[in-house]
Amino acid sequence: MAKKSMIARDVKRDKMIAKFAEKRALLKAAGDLEGLQALPLNSSPSRHKNRDAMDGRPRGFMRRFGISRINFREKASKGEIPGITKSSW
């Protein structure tokens, strides 16, 4: 599990990205590079980090399900993810 402070920091960053998205798009369309540089660093969408929705794990994130590989395996084994079954042959 990720530290609570890292999860909180990422949530704060996501809010800032949403807050400055419109302003960033206008500055980008106008070609105002100095205006873009004046915006906060954390308002850049490239700073967004995909994290597991359950425990905040930053690595092994499965985009389709929104959880990490570890939680995916546990949930799939228990049959808690619709349409996912453990293969056997």
PDB file of N, CA and C in Angstrom:
ATOM      1  N   MET A   1       0.836  -1.180   0.000  1.00  0.00           N
ATOM      2  CA  MET A   1       0.000   0.000   0.000  1.00  0.00           C
ATOM      3  C   MET A   1       0.878   1.240   0.000  1.00  0.00           C
ATOM      4  N   ALA A   2       0.470   2.211  -0.786  1.00  0.00           N
ATOM      5  CA  ALA A   2       1.210   3.470  -0.879  1.00  0.00           C
ATOM      6  C   ALA A   2       0.986   4.302   0.379  1.00  0.00           C
ATOM      7  N   LYS A   3       1.918   5.188   0.644  1.00  0.00           N
ATOM      8  CA  LYS A   3       1.761   6.081   1.789  1.00  0.00           C
ATOM      9  C   LYS A   3       0.576   7.005   1.558  1.00  0.00           C
ATOM     10  N   LYS A   4      -0.116   7.331   2.626  1.00  0.00           N
ATOM     11  CA  LYS A   4      -1.289   8.209   2.533  1.00  0.00           C
ATOM     12  C   LYS A   4      -0.903   9.567   1.973  1.00  0.00           C
ATOM     13  N   SER A   5       0.300  10.030   2.296  1.00  0.00           N
ATOM     14  CA  SER A   5       0.735  11.335   1.808  1.00  0.00           C
ATOM     15  C   SER A   5       0.922  11.338   0.293  1.00  0.00           C
ATOM     16  N   MET A   6       1.378  10.218  -0.270  1.00  0.00           N
ATOM     17  CA  MET A   6       1.564  10.131  -1.718  1.00  0.00           C
ATOM     18  C   MET A   6       0.214  10.097  -2.432  1.00  0.00           C
ATOM     19  N   ILE A   7      -0.741   9.393  -1.843  1.00  0.00           N
ATOM     20  CA  ILE A   7      -2.080   9.335  -2.425  1.00  0.00           C
ATOM     21  C   ILE A   7      -2.717  10.721  -2.379  1.00  0.00           C
ATOM     22  N   ALA A   8      -2.570  11.405  -1.245  1.00  0.00           N
ATOM     23  CA  ALA A   8      -3.138  12.750  -1.085  1.00  0.00           C
ATOM     24  C   ALA A   8      -2.481  13.727  -2.054  1.00  0.00           C
ATOM     25  N   ARG A   9      -1.187  13.603  -2.244  1.00  0.00           N
ATOM     26  CA  ARG A   9      -0.470  14.479  -3.164  1.00  0.00           C
ATOM     27  C   ARG A   9      -0.964  14.292  -4.593  1.00  0.00           C
ATOM     28  N   ASP A  10      -1.235  13.037  -4.944  1.00  0.00           N
ATOM     29  CA  ASP A  10      -1.718  12.757  -6.289  1.00  0.00           C
ATOM     30  C   ASP A  10      -3.132  13.289  -6.495  1.00  0.00           C
ATOM     31  N   VAL A  11      -3.959  13.202  -5.470  1.00  0.00           N
ATOM     32  CA  VAL A  11      -5.320  13.748  -5.558  1.00  0.00           C
ATOM     33  C   VAL A  11      -5.261  15.260  -5.732  1.00  0.00           C
ATOM     34  N   LYS A  12      -4.384  15.900  -4.984  1.00  0.00           N
ATOM     35  CA  LYS A  12      -4.209  17.356  -5.077  1.00  0.00           C
ATOM     36  C   LYS A  12      -3.738  17.740  -6.483  1.00  0.00           C
ATOM     37  N   ARG A  13      -2.829  16.956  -7.021  1.00  0.00           N
ATOM     38  CA  ARG A  13      -2.304  17.203  -8.363  1.00  0.00           C
ATOM     39  C   ARG A  13      -3.406  17.061  -9.411  1.00  0.00           C
ATOM     40  N   ASP A  14      -4.268  16.050  -9.256  1.00  0.00           N
ATOM     41  CA  ASP A  14      -5.372  15.847 -10.202  1.00  0.00           C
ATOM     42  C   ASP A  14      -6.340  17.022 -10.181  1.00  0.00           C
ATOM     43  N   LYS A  15      -6.606  17.557  -8.985  1.00  0.00           N
ATOM     44  CA  LYS A  15      -7.490  18.717  -8.873  1.00  0.00           C
ATOM     45  C   LYS A  15      -6.882  19.927  -9.579  1.00  0.00           C
ATOM     46  N   MET A  16      -5.568  20.105  -9.434  1.00  0.00           N
ATOM     47  CA  MET A  16      -4.892  21.237 -10.061  1.00  0.00           C
ATOM     48  C   MET A  16      -4.892  21.095 -11.581  1.00  0.00           C
ATOM     49  N   ILE A  17      -4.745  19.880 -12.074  1.00  0.00           N
ATOM     50  CA  ILE A  17      -4.784  19.639 -13.521  1.00  0.00           C
ATOM     51  C   ILE A  17      -6.143  20.036 -14.071  1.00  0.00           C
ATOM     52  N   ALA A  18      -7.211  19.646 -13.361  1.00  0.00           N
ATOM     53  CA  ALA A  18      -8.560  19.980 -13.803  1.00  0.00           C
ATOM     54  C   ALA A  18      -8.812  21.484 -13.732  1.00  0.00           C
ATOM     55  N   LYS A  19      -8.279  22.123 -12.704  1.00  0.00           N
ATOM     56  CA  LYS A  19      -8.491  23.558 -12.505  1.00  0.00           C
ATOM     57  C   LYS A  19      -7.874  24.390 -13.631  1.00  0.00           C
ATOM     58  N   PHE A  20      -6.679  24.021 -14.070  1.00  0.00           N
ATOM     59  CA  PHE A  20      -5.949  24.806 -15.064  1.00  0.00           C
ATOM     60  C   PHE A  20      -6.079  24.266 -16.485  1.00  0.00           C
ATOM     61  N   ALA A  21      -6.908  23.249 -16.711  1.00  0.00           N
ATOM     62  CA  ALA A  21      -7.005  22.627 -18.037  1.00  0.00           C
ATOM     63  C   ALA A  21      -7.470  23.610 -19.103  1.00  0.00           C
ATOM     64  N   GLU A  22      -8.498  24.389 -18.800  1.00  0.00           N
ATOM     65  CA  GLU A  22      -9.035  25.330 -19.788  1.00  0.00           C
ATOM     66  C   GLU A  22      -8.030  26.447 -20.090  1.00  0.00           C
ATOM     67  N   LYS A  23      -7.429  26.980 -19.045  1.00  0.00           N
ATOM     68  CA  LYS A  23      -6.444  28.055 -19.219  1.00  0.00           C
ATOM     69  C   LYS A  23      -5.235  27.560 -20.013  1.00  0.00           C
ATOM     70  N   ARG A  24      -4.807  26.328 -19.709  1.00  0.00           N
ATOM     71  CA  ARG A  24      -3.672  25.729 -20.407  1.00  0.00           C
ATOM     72  C   ARG A  24      -3.981  25.547 -21.893  1.00  0.00           C
ATOM     73  N   ALA A  25      -5.207  25.121 -22.213  1.00  0.00           N
ATOM     74  CA  ALA A  25      -5.608  24.921 -23.605  1.00  0.00           C
ATOM     75  C   ALA A  25      -5.627  26.238 -24.370  1.00  0.00           C
ATOM     76  N   LEU A  26      -6.117  27.309 -23.726  1.00  0.00           N
ATOM     77  CA  LEU A  26      -6.139  28.623 -24.376  1.00  0.00           C
ATOM     78  C   LEU A  26      -4.725  29.138 -24.646  1.00  0.00           C
ATOM     79  N   LEU A  27      -3.848  29.006 -23.664  1.00  0.00           N
ATOM     80  CA  LEU A  27      -2.470  29.464 -23.831  1.00  0.00           C
ATOM     81  C   LEU A  27      -1.746  28.654 -24.912  1.00  0.00           C
ATOM     82  N   LYS A  28      -2.035  27.363 -24.948  1.00  0.00           N
ATOM     83  CA  LYS A  28      -1.400  26.498 -25.943  1.00  0.00           C
ATOM     84  C   LYS A  28      -1.868  26.860 -27.348  1.00  0.00           C
ATOM     85  N   ALA A  29      -3.170  27.146 -27.496  1.00  0.00           N
ATOM     86  CA  ALA A  29      -3.718  27.518 -28.798  1.00  0.00           C
ATOM     87  C   ALA A  29      -3.162  28.856 -29.269  1.00  0.00           C
ATOM     88  N   ALA A  30      -2.924  29.766 -28.325  1.00  0.00           N
ATOM     89  CA  ALA A  30      -2.380  31.081 -28.666  1.00  0.00           C
ATOM     90  C   ALA A  30      -0.872  31.026 -28.908  1.00  0.00           C
ATOM     91  N   GLY A  31      -0.238  29.945 -28.497  1.00  0.00           N
ATOM     92  CA  GLY A  31       1.211  29.820 -28.666  1.00  0.00           C
ATOM     93  C   GLY A  31       1.993  30.630 -27.645  1.00  0.00           C
ATOM     94  N   ASP A  32       1.379  30.921 -26.505  1.00  0.00           N
ATOM     95  CA  ASP A  32       2.015  31.725 -25.456  1.00  0.00           C
ATOM     96  C   ASP A  32       2.840  30.819 -24.541  1.00  0.00           C
ATOM     97  N   LEU A  33       4.092  30.602 -24.888  1.00  0.00           N
ATOM     98  CA  LEU A  33       4.947  29.715 -24.108  1.00  0.00           C
ATOM     99  C   LEU A  33       5.307  30.299 -22.746  1.00  0.00           C
ATOM    100  N   GLU A  34       5.472  31.622 -22.684  1.00  0.00           N
ATOM    101  CA  GLU A  34       5.789  32.232 -21.392  1.00  0.00           C
ATOM    102  C   GLU A  34       4.613  32.109 -20.429  1.00  0.00           C
ATOM    103  N   GLY A  35       3.411  32.232 -20.959  1.00  0.00           N
ATOM    104  CA  GLY A  35       2.220  32.063 -20.130  1.00  0.00           C
ATOM    105  C   GLY A  35       2.091  30.641 -19.607  1.00  0.00           C
ATOM    106  N   LEU A  36       2.441  29.671 -20.455  1.00  0.00           N
ATOM    107  CA  LEU A  36       2.413  28.273 -20.030  1.00  0.00           C
ATOM    108  C   LEU A  36       3.433  28.009 -18.934  1.00  0.00           C
ATOM    109  N   GLN A  37       4.605  28.620 -19.058  1.00  0.00           N
ATOM    110  CA  GLN A  37       5.644  28.414 -18.049  1.00  0.00           C
ATOM    111  C   GLN A  37       5.286  29.067 -16.721  1.00  0.00           C
ATOM    112  N   ALA A  38       4.418  30.069 -16.765  1.00  0.00           N
ATOM    113  CA  ALA A  38       4.023  30.752 -15.533  1.00  0.00           C
ATOM    114  C   ALA A  38       3.018  29.930 -14.720  1.00  0.00           C
ATOM    115  N   LEU A  39       2.382  28.951 -15.360  1.00  0.00           N
ATOM    116  CA  LEU A  39       1.436  28.101 -14.642  1.00  0.00           C
ATOM    117  C   LEU A  39       2.185  27.195 -13.659  1.00  0.00           C
ATOM    118  N   PRO A  40       1.508  26.723 -12.621  1.00  0.00           N
ATOM    119  CA  PRO A  40       2.155  25.803 -11.675  1.00  0.00           C
ATOM    120  C   PRO A  40       2.605  24.516 -12.365  1.00  0.00           C
ATOM    121  N   LEU A  41       3.699  23.959 -11.912  1.00  0.00           N
ATOM    122  CA  LEU A  41       4.228  22.742 -12.518  1.00  0.00           C
ATOM    123  C   LEU A  41       3.255  21.580 -12.395  1.00  0.00           C
ATOM    124  N   ASN A  42       2.584  21.482 -11.261  1.00  0.00           N
ATOM    125  CA  ASN A  42       1.667  20.362 -11.049  1.00  0.00           C
ATOM    126  C   ASN A  42       0.368  20.483 -11.822  1.00  0.00           C
ATOM    127  N   SER A  43       0.196  21.548 -12.588  1.00  0.00           N
ATOM    128  CA  SER A  43      -1.009  21.673 -13.405  1.00  0.00           C
ATOM    129  C   SER A  43      -0.818  21.017 -14.775  1.00  0.00           C
ATOM    130  N   SER A  44       0.350  20.488 -15.029  1.00  0.00           N
ATOM    131  CA  SER A  44       0.614  19.812 -16.296  1.00  0.00           C
ATOM    132  C   SER A  44       0.044  18.395 -16.270  1.00  0.00           C
ATOM    133  N   PRO A  45      -0.704  18.003 -17.296  1.00  0.00           N
ATOM    134  CA  PRO A  45      -1.289  16.653 -17.317  1.00  0.00           C
ATOM    135  C   PRO A  45      -0.247  15.539 -17.338  1.00  0.00           C
ATOM    136  N   SER A  46       0.953  15.831 -17.779  1.00  0.00           N
ATOM    137  CA  SER A  46       1.981  14.791 -17.821  1.00  0.00           C
ATOM    138  C   SER A  46       2.473  14.418 -16.426  1.00  0.00           C
ATOM    139  N   ARG A  47       2.097  15.178 -15.414  1.00  0.00           N
ATOM    140  CA  ARG A  47       2.476  14.854 -14.040  1.00  0.00           C
ATOM    141  C   ARG A  47       1.492  13.897 -13.377  1.00  0.00           C
ATOM    142  N   HIS A  48       0.395  13.592 -14.073  1.00  0.00           N
ATOM    143  CA  HIS A  48      -0.599  12.661 -13.534  1.00  0.00           C
ATOM    144  C   HIS A  48       0.008  11.269 -13.446  1.00  0.00           C
ATOM    145  N   LYS A  49      -0.230  10.576 -12.335  1.00  0.00           N
ATOM    146  CA  LYS A  49       0.276   9.226 -12.136  1.00  0.00           C
ATOM    147  C   LYS A  49      -0.901   8.287 -11.924  1.00  0.00           C
ATOM    148  N   ASN A  50      -0.988   7.254 -12.749  1.00  0.00           N
ATOM    149  CA  ASN A  50      -2.043   6.261 -12.569  1.00  0.00           C
ATOM    150  C   ASN A  50      -1.756   5.462 -11.307  1.00  0.00           C
ATOM    151  N   ARG A  51      -2.766   5.356 -10.439  1.00  0.00           N
ATOM    152  CA  ARG A  51      -2.614   4.617  -9.201  1.00  0.00           C
ATOM    153  C   ARG A  51      -3.781   3.665  -9.007  1.00  0.00           C
ATOM    154  N   ASP A  52      -3.514   2.595  -8.293  1.00  0.00           N
ATOM    155  CA  ASP A  52      -4.533   1.623  -7.954  1.00  0.00           C
ATOM    156  C   ASP A  52      -5.644   2.308  -7.159  1.00  0.00           C
ATOM    157  N   ALA A  53      -6.888   2.064  -7.539  1.00  0.00           N
ATOM    158  CA  ALA A  53      -8.021   2.690  -6.857  1.00  0.00           C
ATOM    159  C   ALA A  53      -8.210   2.149  -5.449  1.00  0.00           C
ATOM    160  N   MET A  54      -7.710   0.952  -5.183  1.00  0.00           N
ATOM    161  CA  MET A  54      -7.932   0.334  -3.876  1.00  0.00           C
ATOM    162  C   MET A  54      -6.861   0.716  -2.858  1.00  0.00           C
ATOM    163  N   ASP A  55      -5.601   0.621  -3.237  1.00  0.00           N
ATOM    164  CA  ASP A  55      -4.552   0.887  -2.250  1.00  0.00           C
ATOM    165  C   ASP A  55      -3.515   1.914  -2.693  1.00  0.00           C
ATOM    166  N   GLY A  56      -3.658   2.488  -3.882  1.00  0.00           N
ATOM    167  CA  GLY A  56      -2.770   3.563  -4.307  1.00  0.00           C
ATOM    168  C   GLY A  56      -1.440   3.116  -4.877  1.00  0.00           C
ATOM    169  N   ARG A  57      -1.284   1.835  -5.151  1.00  0.00           N
ATOM    170  CA  ARG A  57      -0.021   1.330  -5.695  1.00  0.00           C
ATOM    171  C   ARG A  57       0.239   1.950  -7.065  1.00  0.00           C
ATOM    172  N   PRO A  58       1.441   2.559  -7.260  1.00  0.00           N
ATOM    173  CA  PRO A  58       1.715   3.250  -8.521  1.00  0.00           C
ATOM    174  C   PRO A  58       2.219   2.347  -9.646  1.00  0.00           C
ATOM    175  N   ARG A  59       2.736   1.182  -9.302  1.00  0.00           N
ATOM    176  CA  ARG A  59       3.309   0.308 -10.332  1.00  0.00           C
ATOM    177  C   ARG A  59       2.397  -0.868 -10.624  1.00  0.00           C
ATOM    178  N   GLY A  60       2.529  -1.414 -11.808  1.00  0.00           N
ATOM    179  CA  GLY A  60       1.723  -2.559 -12.200  1.00  0.00           C
ATOM    180  C   GLY A  60       0.260  -2.203 -12.373  1.00  0.00           C
ATOM    181  N   PHE A  61      -0.011  -0.982 -12.809  1.00  0.00           N
ATOM    182  CA  PHE A  61      -1.380  -0.496 -12.960  1.00  0.00           C
ATOM    183  C   PHE A  61      -1.990  -1.050 -14.231  1.00  0.00           C
ATOM    184  N   MET A  62      -3.189  -1.605 -14.120  1.00  0.00           N
ATOM    185  CA  MET A  62      -3.912  -2.113 -15.285  1.00  0.00           C
ATOM    186  C   MET A  62      -4.998  -1.103 -15.620  1.00  0.00           C
ATOM    187  N   ARG A  63      -4.788  -0.383 -16.701  1.00  0.00           N
ATOM    188  CA  ARG A  63      -5.649   0.742 -17.069  1.00  0.00           C
ATOM    189  C   ARG A  63      -7.110   0.321 -17.275  1.00  0.00           C
ATOM    190  N   ARG A  64      -7.301  -0.824 -17.878  1.00  0.00           N
ATOM    191  CA  ARG A  64      -8.663  -1.274 -18.188  1.00  0.00           C
ATOM    192  C   ARG A  64      -9.511  -1.486 -16.935  1.00  0.00           C
ATOM    193  N   PHE A  65      -8.871  -1.897 -15.848  1.00  0.00           N
ATOM    194  CA  PHE A  65      -9.604  -2.202 -14.626  1.00  0.00           C
ATOM    195  C   PHE A  65      -9.400  -1.153 -13.536  1.00  0.00           C
ATOM    196  N   GLY A  66      -8.382  -0.325 -13.636  1.00  0.00           N
ATOM    197  CA  GLY A  66      -8.133   0.725 -12.659  1.00  0.00           C
ATOM    198  C   GLY A  66      -7.508   0.232 -11.370  1.00  0.00           C
ATOM    199  N   ILE A  67      -6.955  -0.993 -11.409  1.00  0.00           N
ATOM    200  CA  ILE A  67      -6.308  -1.542 -10.218  1.00  0.00           C
ATOM    201  C   ILE A  67      -4.949  -2.117 -10.605  1.00  0.00           C
ATOM    202  N   SER A  68      -4.144  -2.425  -9.600  1.00  0.00           N
ATOM    203  CA  SER A  68      -2.820  -2.974  -9.863  1.00  0.00           C
ATOM    204  C   SER A  68      -2.916  -4.467 -10.170  1.00  0.00           C
ATOM    205  N   ARG A  69      -1.846  -5.017 -10.665  1.00  0.00           N
ATOM    206  CA  ARG A  69      -1.810  -6.429 -11.050  1.00  0.00           C
ATOM    207  C   ARG A  69      -2.041  -7.345  -9.855  1.00  0.00           C
ATOM    208  N   ILE A  70      -1.574  -6.917  -8.689  1.00  0.00           N
ATOM    209  CA  ILE A  70      -1.717  -7.738  -7.487  1.00  0.00           C
ATOM    210  C   ILE A  70      -3.183  -7.820  -7.067  1.00  0.00           C
ATOM    211  N   ASN A  71      -3.845  -6.669  -6.992  1.00  0.00           N
ATOM    212  CA  ASN A  71      -5.261  -6.660  -6.634  1.00  0.00           C
ATOM    213  C   ASN A  71      -6.107  -7.320  -7.719  1.00  0.00           C
ATOM    214  N   PHE A  72      -5.696  -7.164  -8.977  1.00  0.00           N
ATOM    215  CA  PHE A  72      -6.412  -7.812 -10.073  1.00  0.00           C
ATOM    216  C   PHE A  72      -6.388  -9.322  -9.902  1.00  0.00           C
ATOM    217  N   ARG A  73      -5.230  -9.859  -9.580  1.00  0.00           N
ATOM    218  CA  ARG A  73      -5.086 -11.312  -9.430  1.00  0.00           C
ATOM    219  C   ARG A  73      -5.934 -11.830  -8.272  1.00  0.00           C
ATOM    220  N   GLU A  74      -5.933 -11.096  -7.153  1.00  0.00           N
ATOM    221  CA  GLU A  74      -6.732 -11.511  -5.998  1.00  0.00           C
ATOM    222  C   GLU A  74      -8.223 -11.489  -6.330  1.00  0.00           C
ATOM    223  N   LYS A  75      -8.673 -10.400  -6.940  1.00  0.00           N
ATOM    224  CA  LYS A  75     -10.091 -10.262  -7.283  1.00  0.00           C
ATOM    225  C   LYS A  75     -10.513 -11.291  -8.337  1.00  0.00           C
ATOM    226  N   ALA A  76      -9.657 -11.527  -9.330  1.00  0.00           N
ATOM    227  CA  ALA A  76      -9.980 -12.487 -10.385  1.00  0.00           C
ATOM    228  C   ALA A  76     -10.057 -13.906  -9.827  1.00  0.00           C
ATOM    229  N   SER A  77      -9.165 -14.235  -8.902  1.00  0.00           N
ATOM    230  CA  SER A  77      -9.173 -15.575  -8.311  1.00  0.00           C
ATOM    231  C   SER A  77     -10.436 -15.821  -7.497  1.00  0.00           C
ATOM    232  N   LYS A  78     -10.931 -14.768  -6.855  1.00  0.00           N
ATOM    233  CA  LYS A  78     -12.151 -14.892  -6.056  1.00  0.00           C
ATOM    234  C   LYS A  78     -13.411 -14.786  -6.908  1.00  0.00           C
ATOM    235  N   GLY A  79     -13.245 -14.406  -8.192  1.00  0.00           N
ATOM    236  CA  GLY A  79     -14.387 -14.276  -9.087  1.00  0.00           C
ATOM    237  C   GLY A  79     -15.146 -12.977  -8.898  1.00  0.00           C
ATOM    238  N   GLU A  80     -14.477 -11.951  -8.397  1.00  0.00           N
ATOM    239  CA  GLU A  80     -15.132 -10.669  -8.112  1.00  0.00           C
ATOM    240  C   GLU A  80     -15.099  -9.695  -9.283  1.00  0.00           C
ATOM    241  N   ILE A  81     -14.411 -10.058 -10.376  1.00  0.00           N
ATOM    242  CA  ILE A  81     -14.367  -9.209 -11.567  1.00  0.00           C
ATOM    243  C   ILE A  81     -15.221  -9.876 -12.644  1.00  0.00           C
ATOM    244  N   PRO A  82     -16.300  -9.227 -13.075  1.00  0.00           N
ATOM    245  CA  PRO A  82     -17.188  -9.836 -14.065  1.00  0.00           C
ATOM    246  C   PRO A  82     -16.472 -10.091 -15.393  1.00  0.00           C
ATOM    247  N   GLY A  83     -16.678 -11.283 -15.937  1.00  0.00           N
ATOM    248  CA  GLY A  83     -16.115 -11.627 -17.244  1.00  0.00           C
ATOM    249  C   GLY A  83     -14.707 -12.148 -17.197  1.00  0.00           C
ATOM    250  N   ILE A  84     -14.085 -12.206 -16.028  1.00  0.00           N
ATOM    251  CA  ILE A  84     -12.708 -12.680 -15.910  1.00  0.00           C
ATOM    252  C   ILE A  84     -12.726 -14.035 -15.198  1.00  0.00           C
ATOM    253  N   THR A  85     -12.151 -15.033 -15.845  1.00  0.00           N
ATOM    254  CA  THR A  85     -12.034 -16.346 -15.228  1.00  0.00           C
ATOM    255  C   THR A  85     -10.593 -16.812 -15.314  1.00  0.00           C
ATOM    256  N   LYS A  86     -10.190 -17.622 -14.358  1.00  0.00           N
ATOM    257  CA  LYS A  86      -8.855 -18.185 -14.370  1.00  0.00           C
ATOM    258  C   LYS A  86      -8.804 -19.261 -15.444  1.00  0.00           C
ATOM    259  N   SER A  87      -7.818 -19.179 -16.292  1.00  0.00           N
ATOM    260  CA  SER A  87      -7.735 -20.149 -17.382  1.00  0.00           C
ATOM    261  C   SER A  87      -7.142 -21.460 -16.894  1.00  0.00           C
ATOM    262  N   SER A  88      -7.568 -22.528 -17.490  1.00  0.00           N
ATOM    263  CA  SER A  88      -7.006 -23.847 -17.206  1.00  0.00           C
ATOM    264  C   SER A  88      -7.065 -24.666 -18.483  1.00  0.00           C
ATOM    265  N   TRP A  89      -6.078 -25.513 -18.690  1.00  0.00           N
ATOM    266  CA  TRP A  89      -6.063 -26.345 -19.888  1.00  0.00           C
ATOM    267  C   TRP A  89      -5.418 -27.671 -19.624  1.00  0.00           C
TER     268      TRP A  89
END
